[in-house]
Structures are given as structure tokens and as C-alpha cells.
Amino acid sequence: MVTGLAWAVRGLLERTAMSVESLTYIDLADRLDTSPEAARSLVRRLRLPRLTGNDGKVRVNVDLTEIQYRRLPARSPGGQRADIDALNARIQMLQSELAQLEVENNCIQATAAGHRADFERERDRSDTIMAEALRLTKVAMSARETAARLEGELRSRQSRRWWQRLAG
């Protein structure tokens, strides 16, 4: 006599044994509603056991209840065309931005060249003023030396007595 627990175990074993199937890539693709190449890729990705039969076809032992496969929606050619049109529009927008940035760059370079010319002119003017200041400093020092020499001579003559001044 078989008890209730034995029936439950037998039912579980039968369901488990029945859910594993040996399918070719074409059969698996039909069950998953996809292409044989997608089925082959899925088998490789999931590392399912494969066996080559006598007829040369590869059979895969798979439990379809454990596979959670969802087919990606196919892209329509119109959708691709819309993507291409959007990308072309983006390219044109970026090219117009590039042209605008190049114009701005040229304006900035022209302004920088003007500032550079002003800088060069001011540097030349500063060099000229500095040379003139050095020349005037040299003249002033020479004048001070001459004044000091003349002052010394004047003091030496004033410090002599009257008869020394006459003699010479």
C-alpha cells in the first residue's frame, strides 16, 4: 500500500523527470519562439549540457520551466531609419556649433593679437623711459660729483689766508 507521502514524492519525481527534455537547437528555437542562432547562443550562455546524436544533430538537455527567456522586440527598418535621421540631425547641430565656436575662437585670437600689440608697444615705451631715466641718473651723479669737487676747491681756497691766496 502506498501512503500519501509516497504519492507526493512519486508525483514530484515524475514532474521533474518530465520537465527535462532533449531538444535540438531548431526545436528549442520553436519552443522559445526565436531563431536557432539565438537558441544556440542561449544554450552557450546558460552552459546547458549538449550531446551530439547519431544523426549529427546536437541535442540539448533543457528544463523549459527554469529558463526565463524573453525575446527582445525586433527592430523595424523604419525605427532604424528614424535613429539614423536623429543621429544625422545631431551631427548637423554639432557641426553648426563647431562652426560658431570656430568664429568665436577667431574673434578671441584677433582680440588677443591686439592686446599683444599693445603690450609690445608699452614694453618698448617702458624700455625707452627706463633708458632715459638711467641716462639722467648718470648726468645727475656727474653733476653732484662736479658740485662736490667745486665745493671742496672753494672751501680749500677760503680756508687759506689772504697772502696764500695771492701767492697762489
Protein backbone atom coordinates (compact mmCIF):
# COMPACT_ATOMS: atom_id res chain seq x y z
CA MET A 1 0.00 0.00 0.00
CA VAL A 2 1.31 3.38 -0.99
CA THR A 3 0.91 6.18 1.51
CA GLY A 4 0.12 9.82 0.75
CA LEU A 5 3.73 10.84 1.20
CA ALA A 6 4.90 8.28 -1.34
CA TRP A 7 2.38 9.56 -3.88
CA ALA A 8 3.62 13.10 -3.37
CA VAL A 9 7.25 12.02 -3.84
CA ARG A 10 6.39 9.97 -6.93
CA GLY A 11 4.44 12.92 -8.41
CA LEU A 12 7.35 15.25 -7.76
CA LEU A 13 9.80 12.86 -9.38
CA GLU A 14 7.59 12.39 -12.41
CA ARG A 15 7.19 16.15 -12.87
CA THR A 16 10.92 16.71 -12.51
CA ALA A 17 11.77 13.90 -14.88
CA MET A 18 9.15 15.01 -17.37
CA SER A 19 10.25 18.68 -17.41
CA VAL A 20 13.78 17.94 -18.67
CA GLU A 21 13.70 17.47 -22.44
CA SER A 22 16.27 16.65 -25.04
CA LEU A 23 15.80 19.16 -27.88
CA THR A 24 17.71 20.18 -30.97
CA TYR A 25 18.52 23.84 -31.49
CA ILE A 26 15.67 24.10 -34.00
CA ASP A 27 13.18 22.51 -31.58
CA LEU A 28 14.35 24.76 -28.76
CA ALA A 29 14.02 27.79 -31.04
CA ASP A 30 10.44 26.78 -31.89
CA ARG A 31 9.56 26.40 -28.21
CA LEU A 32 11.08 29.76 -27.30
CA ASP A 33 9.72 31.44 -30.44
CA THR A 34 13.12 32.64 -31.59
CA SER A 35 15.79 31.81 -34.16
CA PRO A 36 18.03 28.71 -33.99
CA GLU A 37 21.08 31.00 -33.68
CA ALA A 38 19.51 32.74 -30.65
CA ALA A 39 18.72 29.32 -29.14
CA ARG A 40 22.36 28.22 -29.68
CA SER A 41 23.58 31.43 -28.03
CA LEU A 42 21.23 30.88 -25.08
CA VAL A 43 22.49 27.31 -24.60
CA ARG A 44 26.09 28.55 -24.58
CA ARG A 45 25.26 31.38 -22.18
CA LEU A 46 23.42 29.10 -19.74
CA ARG A 47 26.05 26.33 -20.16
CA LEU A 48 23.43 23.67 -20.72
CA PRO A 49 24.61 20.08 -21.37
CA ARG A 50 24.89 19.19 -25.08
CA LEU A 51 25.17 15.84 -26.77
CA THR A 52 25.74 15.03 -30.43
CA GLY A 53 23.36 12.33 -31.69
CA ASN A 54 23.96 9.60 -34.29
CA ASP A 55 22.30 11.76 -36.89
CA GLY A 56 24.89 14.54 -36.33
CA LYS A 57 22.44 16.93 -34.67
CA VAL A 58 23.24 18.45 -31.32
CA ARG A 59 20.69 17.81 -28.61
CA VAL A 60 20.39 19.93 -25.50
CA ASN A 61 19.01 18.68 -22.20
CA VAL A 62 16.92 21.60 -21.02
CA ASP A 63 14.25 22.24 -18.39
CA LEU A 64 11.99 24.81 -20.04
CA THR A 65 10.36 25.73 -16.72
CA GLU A 66 13.70 27.01 -15.39
CA ILE A 67 14.60 29.05 -18.44
CA GLN A 68 13.35 32.60 -18.17
CA TYR A 69 13.83 33.69 -21.73
CA ARG A 70 12.16 36.75 -23.14
CA ARG A 71 12.64 37.58 -26.72
CA LEU A 72 13.76 41.12 -27.43
CA PRO A 73 11.43 43.04 -29.69
CA ALA A 74 12.67 43.11 -33.25
CA ARG A 75 13.74 46.45 -34.59
CA SER A 76 11.85 47.63 -37.56
CA PRO A 77 13.70 49.12 -40.51
CA GLY A 78 11.67 52.29 -40.05
CA GLY A 79 12.92 52.57 -36.48
CA GLN A 80 16.49 52.26 -37.65
CA ARG A 81 15.85 54.93 -40.24
CA ALA A 82 14.46 57.21 -37.54
CA ASP A 83 17.58 56.57 -35.45
CA ILE A 84 19.79 57.40 -38.42
CA ASP A 85 17.82 60.58 -39.10
CA ALA A 86 18.11 61.59 -35.43
CA LEU A 87 21.86 60.96 -35.50
CA ASN A 88 22.26 62.95 -38.72
CA ALA A 89 20.31 65.84 -37.17
CA ARG A 90 22.56 65.67 -34.10
CA ILE A 91 25.66 65.67 -36.33
CA GLN A 92 24.43 68.74 -38.20
CA MET A 93 23.67 70.52 -34.92
CA LEU A 94 27.16 69.72 -33.60
CA GLN A 95 28.74 70.89 -36.86
CA SER A 96 26.89 74.21 -36.63
CA GLU A 97 28.03 74.58 -33.01
CA LEU A 98 31.59 73.81 -34.12
CA ALA A 99 31.41 76.50 -36.82
CA GLN A 100 30.10 79.01 -34.26
CA LEU A 101 32.87 78.11 -31.81
CA GLU A 102 35.48 78.50 -34.56
CA VAL A 103 34.17 82.02 -35.31
CA GLU A 104 34.32 82.87 -31.59
CA ASN A 105 37.84 81.44 -31.43
CA ASN A 106 38.93 83.62 -34.36
CA CYS A 107 37.45 86.71 -32.68
CA ILE A 108 39.24 85.90 -29.43
CA GLN A 109 42.52 85.35 -31.27
CA ALA A 110 42.14 88.73 -33.04
CA THR A 111 41.48 90.43 -29.69
CA ALA A 112 44.48 88.67 -28.17
CA ALA A 113 46.67 89.82 -31.09
CA GLY A 114 45.52 93.42 -30.47
CA HIS A 115 46.33 93.11 -26.78
CA ARG A 116 49.71 91.60 -27.65
CA ALA A 117 50.49 94.58 -29.92
CA ASP A 118 49.50 96.99 -27.11
CA PHE A 119 51.72 95.08 -24.71
CA GLU A 120 54.69 95.20 -27.09
CA ARG A 121 54.21 98.95 -27.66
CA GLU A 122 54.02 99.63 -23.91
CA ARG A 123 57.07 97.47 -23.27
CA ASP A 124 59.06 99.43 -25.88
CA ARG A 125 57.89 102.69 -24.32
CA SER A 126 58.86 101.43 -20.87
CA ASP A 127 62.32 100.42 -22.14
CA THR A 128 62.79 103.89 -23.65
CA ILE A 129 61.72 105.64 -20.43
CA MET A 130 63.99 103.38 -18.38
CA ALA A 131 66.98 104.16 -20.63
CA GLU A 132 66.24 107.89 -20.33
CA ALA A 133 65.97 107.58 -16.53
CA LEU A 134 69.33 105.80 -16.37
CA ARG A 135 70.93 108.46 -18.59
CA LEU A 136 69.51 111.27 -16.43
CA THR A 137 70.69 109.49 -13.27
CA LYS A 138 74.18 109.32 -14.74
CA VAL A 139 74.10 113.05 -15.59
CA ALA A 140 72.81 113.89 -12.10
CA MET A 141 75.56 111.86 -10.46
CA SER A 142 78.16 113.54 -12.63
CA ALA A 143 76.72 116.95 -11.69
CA ARG A 144 76.84 116.03 -7.99
CA GLU A 145 80.44 114.92 -8.29
CA THR A 146 81.37 118.14 -10.08
CA ALA A 147 79.50 120.21 -7.47
CA ALA A 148 81.24 118.37 -4.64
CA ARG A 149 84.65 118.88 -6.30
CA LEU A 150 84.00 122.58 -6.85
CA GLU A 151 82.71 122.97 -3.31
CA GLY A 152 85.86 121.32 -2.00
CA GLU A 153 88.03 123.65 -4.05
CA LEU A 154 86.05 126.65 -2.82
CA ARG A 155 86.47 125.63 0.81
CA SER A 156 90.15 124.98 0.37
CA ARG A 157 90.59 128.44 -1.16
CA GLN A 158 88.53 130.09 1.55
CA SER A 159 90.48 128.36 4.28
CA ARG A 160 93.77 129.85 3.04
CA ARG A 161 94.88 133.08 4.37
CA TRP A 162 94.86 136.21 2.24
CA TRP A 163 98.57 136.25 1.49
CA GLN A 164 98.36 132.47 0.46
CA ARG A 165 95.59 133.27 -1.92
CA LEU A 166 97.67 135.96 -3.59
CA ALA A 167 100.68 133.78 -3.92
CA GLY A 168 98.86 131.16 -5.40
